[in-house]
Protein backbone atom coordinates (compact mmCIF):
# COMPACT_ATOMS: atom_id res chain seq x y z
CA UNK A 1 103.70 53.38 -38.80
CA UNK A 2 102.48 51.25 -36.18
CA UNK A 3 103.62 52.48 -32.46
CA UNK A 4 102.93 49.68 -30.06
CA UNK A 5 104.04 51.55 -26.83
CA UNK A 6 101.20 53.99 -27.31
CA UNK A 7 98.57 51.32 -27.64
CA UNK A 8 100.14 49.66 -24.56
CA UNK A 9 99.95 52.81 -22.65
CA UNK A 10 96.36 53.39 -23.25
CA UNK A 11 95.76 49.57 -22.32
CA UNK A 12 97.45 49.87 -19.21
CA UNK A 13 95.36 53.32 -18.36
CA UNK A 14 92.14 51.59 -19.30
CA UNK A 15 92.85 48.43 -17.21
CA UNK A 16 93.93 50.37 -14.23
CA UNK A 17 90.96 52.87 -14.54
CA UNK A 18 88.52 50.10 -14.74
CA UNK A 19 89.89 48.12 -11.93
CA UNK A 20 89.94 51.03 -9.47
CA UNK A 21 86.28 51.94 -10.46
CA UNK A 22 85.33 48.57 -9.91
CA UNK A 23 87.28 48.28 -6.45
CA UNK A 24 85.59 51.53 -5.38
CA UNK A 25 81.83 50.14 -5.38
CA UNK A 26 81.49 50.66 -1.53
CA UNK A 27 81.17 48.62 1.30
CA UNK A 28 81.49 45.00 0.95
CA UNK A 29 78.68 42.50 1.86
CA UNK A 30 75.04 42.58 1.58
CA UNK A 31 73.31 46.08 1.71
CA UNK A 32 70.77 46.64 4.34
CA UNK A 33 68.70 49.73 5.60
CA UNK A 34 69.33 50.71 9.32
CA UNK A 35 66.56 50.28 11.84
CA UNK A 36 64.60 53.60 12.45
CA UNK A 37 65.26 53.15 16.20
CA UNK A 38 69.14 53.14 15.77
CA UNK A 39 68.99 56.12 13.49
CA UNK A 40 67.12 57.89 16.26
CA UNK A 41 69.87 56.90 18.98
CA UNK A 42 72.46 57.92 16.88
CA UNK A 43 70.99 61.47 16.30
CA UNK A 44 70.35 61.86 20.34
CA UNK A 45 74.12 61.01 20.75
CA UNK A 46 75.19 63.57 18.31
CA UNK A 47 73.18 66.21 20.10
CA UNK A 48 74.73 65.56 23.51
């Protein structure tokens, strides 16, 4: 017997899971490496 509601439930779970993983990819925009000078300034601010 074909149970369409079970397949519909799995399809909804699959779509929601995939969309949540894709939306959680991180920061929007181009990736960059911070300047070493900026990194040093942040470390000294944390110590004070």
